[in-house]
Amino acid sequence: MVSSLRLLLAHLKDRFLDQSGQDLVEYALIVALLSTAVVAAERNVAVSISGAYLNLANTFSTDL
C-alpha cells in the first residue's frame, strides 16, 4: 500500500513538474494579445481612413 502511494505521488509530482507543451500555451497567449490589440486599433484606423476620404471628397467638391 505504501509503495503504491509513493508511486502515485511520484507520478503526480512528475506530471505537475512536466513543462512540455508550455511553449505552445505561451505562443497562444501572445497571439490572443496581438489579436485583441489589432481589433482594438482597427476602429481607430477605420475612422482615420474615413476622415481622409471625406477630406478628399470635400476638396474635390469645392475645387470643381
N, C-alpha and C. Protein backbone atom coordinates (compact mmCIF):
# COMPACT_ATOMS: atom_id res chain seq x y z
N MET A 1 0.82 -1.19 0.00
CA MET A 1 0.00 0.00 0.00
C MET A 1 0.86 1.26 0.00
N VAL A 2 1.91 1.25 0.82
CA VAL A 2 2.78 2.42 0.91
C VAL A 2 3.53 2.62 -0.40
N SER A 3 3.97 1.52 -1.01
CA SER A 3 4.72 1.66 -2.26
C SER A 3 3.81 2.17 -3.39
N SER A 4 2.56 1.75 -3.42
CA SER A 4 1.66 2.25 -4.46
C SER A 4 1.34 3.73 -4.23
N LEU A 5 1.27 4.14 -2.97
CA LEU A 5 1.05 5.55 -2.66
C LEU A 5 2.25 6.38 -3.09
N ARG A 6 3.45 5.83 -2.85
CA ARG A 6 4.66 6.54 -3.28
C ARG A 6 4.72 6.63 -4.80
N LEU A 7 4.33 5.57 -5.47
CA LEU A 7 4.31 5.61 -6.94
C LEU A 7 3.32 6.65 -7.44
N LEU A 8 2.16 6.70 -6.81
CA LEU A 8 1.16 7.69 -7.19
C LEU A 8 1.67 9.10 -6.97
N LEU A 9 2.27 9.35 -5.82
CA LEU A 9 2.81 10.68 -5.52
C LEU A 9 3.94 11.04 -6.48
N ALA A 10 4.79 10.07 -6.81
CA ALA A 10 5.88 10.33 -7.75
C ALA A 10 5.32 10.65 -9.13
N HIS A 11 4.29 9.92 -9.53
CA HIS A 11 3.66 10.18 -10.83
C HIS A 11 3.03 11.57 -10.86
N LEU A 12 2.33 11.94 -9.80
CA LEU A 12 1.71 13.27 -9.74
C LEU A 12 2.76 14.37 -9.74
N LYS A 13 3.84 14.15 -9.02
CA LYS A 13 4.92 15.14 -8.98
C LYS A 13 5.52 15.32 -10.37
N ASP A 14 5.80 14.22 -11.05
CA ASP A 14 6.34 14.31 -12.41
C ASP A 14 5.36 14.99 -13.35
N ARG A 15 4.10 14.72 -13.15
CA ARG A 15 3.06 15.29 -14.02
C ARG A 15 2.98 16.81 -13.87
N PHE A 16 3.06 17.29 -12.63
CA PHE A 16 2.95 18.73 -12.39
C PHE A 16 4.24 19.48 -12.72
N LEU A 17 5.37 18.82 -12.65
CA LEU A 17 6.64 19.47 -12.96
C LEU A 17 6.98 19.41 -14.44
N ASP A 18 6.25 18.61 -15.20
CA ASP A 18 6.50 18.50 -16.64
C ASP A 18 6.10 19.79 -17.32
N GLN A 19 7.01 20.36 -18.11
CA GLN A 19 6.73 21.63 -18.78
C GLN A 19 6.62 21.48 -20.29
N SER A 20 6.47 20.27 -20.77
CA SER A 20 6.31 20.09 -22.20
C SER A 20 4.97 20.67 -22.63
N GLY A 21 4.98 21.35 -23.74
CA GLY A 21 3.76 21.99 -24.22
C GLY A 21 3.58 23.40 -23.69
N GLN A 22 4.47 23.83 -22.81
CA GLN A 22 4.35 25.17 -22.24
C GLN A 22 4.57 26.24 -23.31
N ASP A 23 5.48 26.00 -24.24
CA ASP A 23 5.74 26.98 -25.30
C ASP A 23 4.49 27.23 -26.13
N LEU A 24 3.75 26.18 -26.41
CA LEU A 24 2.53 26.32 -27.20
C LEU A 24 1.53 27.23 -26.50
N VAL A 25 1.40 27.07 -25.20
CA VAL A 25 0.48 27.92 -24.43
C VAL A 25 0.95 29.37 -24.46
N GLU A 26 2.25 29.58 -24.32
CA GLU A 26 2.78 30.94 -24.34
C GLU A 26 2.55 31.59 -25.70
N TYR A 27 2.78 30.85 -26.78
CA TYR A 27 2.54 31.40 -28.11
C TYR A 27 1.06 31.70 -28.32
N ALA A 28 0.20 30.86 -27.81
CA ALA A 28 -1.24 31.10 -27.94
C ALA A 28 -1.65 32.37 -27.19
N LEU A 29 -1.07 32.60 -26.03
CA LEU A 29 -1.36 33.82 -25.28
C LEU A 29 -0.86 35.06 -26.02
N ILE A 30 0.30 34.97 -26.64
CA ILE A 30 0.83 36.10 -27.42
C ILE A 30 -0.08 36.39 -28.61
N VAL A 31 -0.51 35.35 -29.30
CA VAL A 31 -1.41 35.54 -30.45
C VAL A 31 -2.73 36.16 -30.00
N ALA A 32 -3.26 35.72 -28.88
CA ALA A 32 -4.51 36.28 -28.36
C ALA A 32 -4.34 37.76 -28.01
N LEU A 33 -3.21 38.11 -27.40
CA LEU A 33 -2.95 39.50 -27.05
C LEU A 33 -2.82 40.37 -28.29
N LEU A 34 -2.08 39.89 -29.28
CA LEU A 34 -1.92 40.65 -30.52
C LEU A 34 -3.24 40.79 -31.26
N SER A 35 -4.04 39.75 -31.27
CA SER A 35 -5.35 39.81 -31.93
C SER A 35 -6.25 40.84 -31.27
N THR A 36 -6.22 40.87 -29.95
CA THR A 36 -7.02 41.86 -29.22
C THR A 36 -6.56 43.28 -29.54
N ALA A 37 -5.25 43.48 -29.63
CA ALA A 37 -4.73 44.80 -29.95
C ALA A 37 -5.11 45.22 -31.37
N VAL A 38 -5.07 44.29 -32.31
CA VAL A 38 -5.44 44.60 -33.69
C VAL A 38 -6.91 44.97 -33.78
N VAL A 39 -7.76 44.23 -33.11
CA VAL A 39 -9.20 44.52 -33.14
C VAL A 39 -9.47 45.88 -32.51
N ALA A 40 -8.77 46.20 -31.42
CA ALA A 40 -8.97 47.49 -30.76
C ALA A 40 -8.49 48.64 -31.64
N ALA A 41 -7.39 48.44 -32.36
CA ALA A 41 -6.84 49.50 -33.20
C ALA A 41 -7.58 49.63 -34.52
N GLU A 42 -8.29 48.60 -34.92
CA GLU A 42 -8.98 48.61 -36.21
C GLU A 42 -9.99 49.75 -36.30
N ARG A 43 -10.69 50.03 -35.25
CA ARG A 43 -11.70 51.09 -35.26
C ARG A 43 -11.04 52.45 -35.48
N ASN A 44 -9.92 52.70 -34.81
CA ASN A 44 -9.22 53.97 -34.99
C ASN A 44 -8.70 54.13 -36.41
N VAL A 45 -8.20 53.07 -36.98
CA VAL A 45 -7.71 53.12 -38.36
C VAL A 45 -8.87 53.37 -39.31
N ALA A 46 -9.99 52.73 -39.09
CA ALA A 46 -11.15 52.92 -39.96
C ALA A 46 -11.65 54.36 -39.89
N VAL A 47 -11.67 54.95 -38.72
CA VAL A 47 -12.10 56.35 -38.57
C VAL A 47 -11.12 57.27 -39.28
N SER A 48 -9.84 57.01 -39.18
CA SER A 48 -8.83 57.84 -39.85
C SER A 48 -8.96 57.76 -41.37
N ILE A 49 -9.16 56.57 -41.88
CA ILE A 49 -9.31 56.40 -43.33
C ILE A 49 -10.59 57.08 -43.81
N SER A 50 -11.65 56.95 -43.06
CA SER A 50 -12.91 57.59 -43.42
C SER A 50 -12.75 59.11 -43.43
N GLY A 51 -12.06 59.65 -42.45
CA GLY A 51 -11.81 61.10 -42.41
C GLY A 51 -10.97 61.57 -43.57
N ALA A 52 -9.99 60.78 -43.96
CA ALA A 52 -9.15 61.15 -45.10
C ALA A 52 -9.97 61.18 -46.38
N TYR A 53 -10.83 60.19 -46.58
CA TYR A 53 -11.68 60.18 -47.78
C TYR A 53 -12.68 61.34 -47.77
N LEU A 54 -13.20 61.69 -46.60
CA LEU A 54 -14.12 62.83 -46.52
C LEU A 54 -13.40 64.13 -46.87
N ASN A 55 -12.19 64.31 -46.37
CA ASN A 55 -11.41 65.50 -46.71
C ASN A 55 -11.11 65.55 -48.20
N LEU A 56 -10.78 64.41 -48.77
CA LEU A 56 -10.51 64.35 -50.21
C LEU A 56 -11.77 64.69 -51.00
N ALA A 57 -12.90 64.16 -50.59
CA ALA A 57 -14.16 64.43 -51.28
C ALA A 57 -14.54 65.91 -51.15
N ASN A 58 -14.33 66.50 -49.99
CA ASN A 58 -14.62 67.92 -49.81
C ASN A 58 -13.70 68.78 -50.67
N THR A 59 -12.45 68.39 -50.77
CA THR A 59 -11.51 69.14 -51.60
C THR A 59 -11.94 69.09 -53.06
N PHE A 60 -12.32 67.92 -53.54
CA PHE A 60 -12.75 67.80 -54.93
C PHE A 60 -14.04 68.59 -55.18
N SER A 61 -14.96 68.54 -54.24
CA SER A 61 -16.25 69.22 -54.46
C SER A 61 -16.10 70.74 -54.43
N THR A 62 -15.19 71.27 -53.63
CA THR A 62 -15.02 72.72 -53.57
C THR A 62 -14.16 73.23 -54.72
N ASP A 63 -13.23 72.42 -55.21
CA ASP A 63 -12.35 72.86 -56.29
C ASP A 63 -12.99 72.69 -57.65
N LEU A 64 -13.94 71.81 -57.77
CA LEU A 64 -14.56 71.59 -59.08
C LEU A 64 -15.78 72.38 -59.14
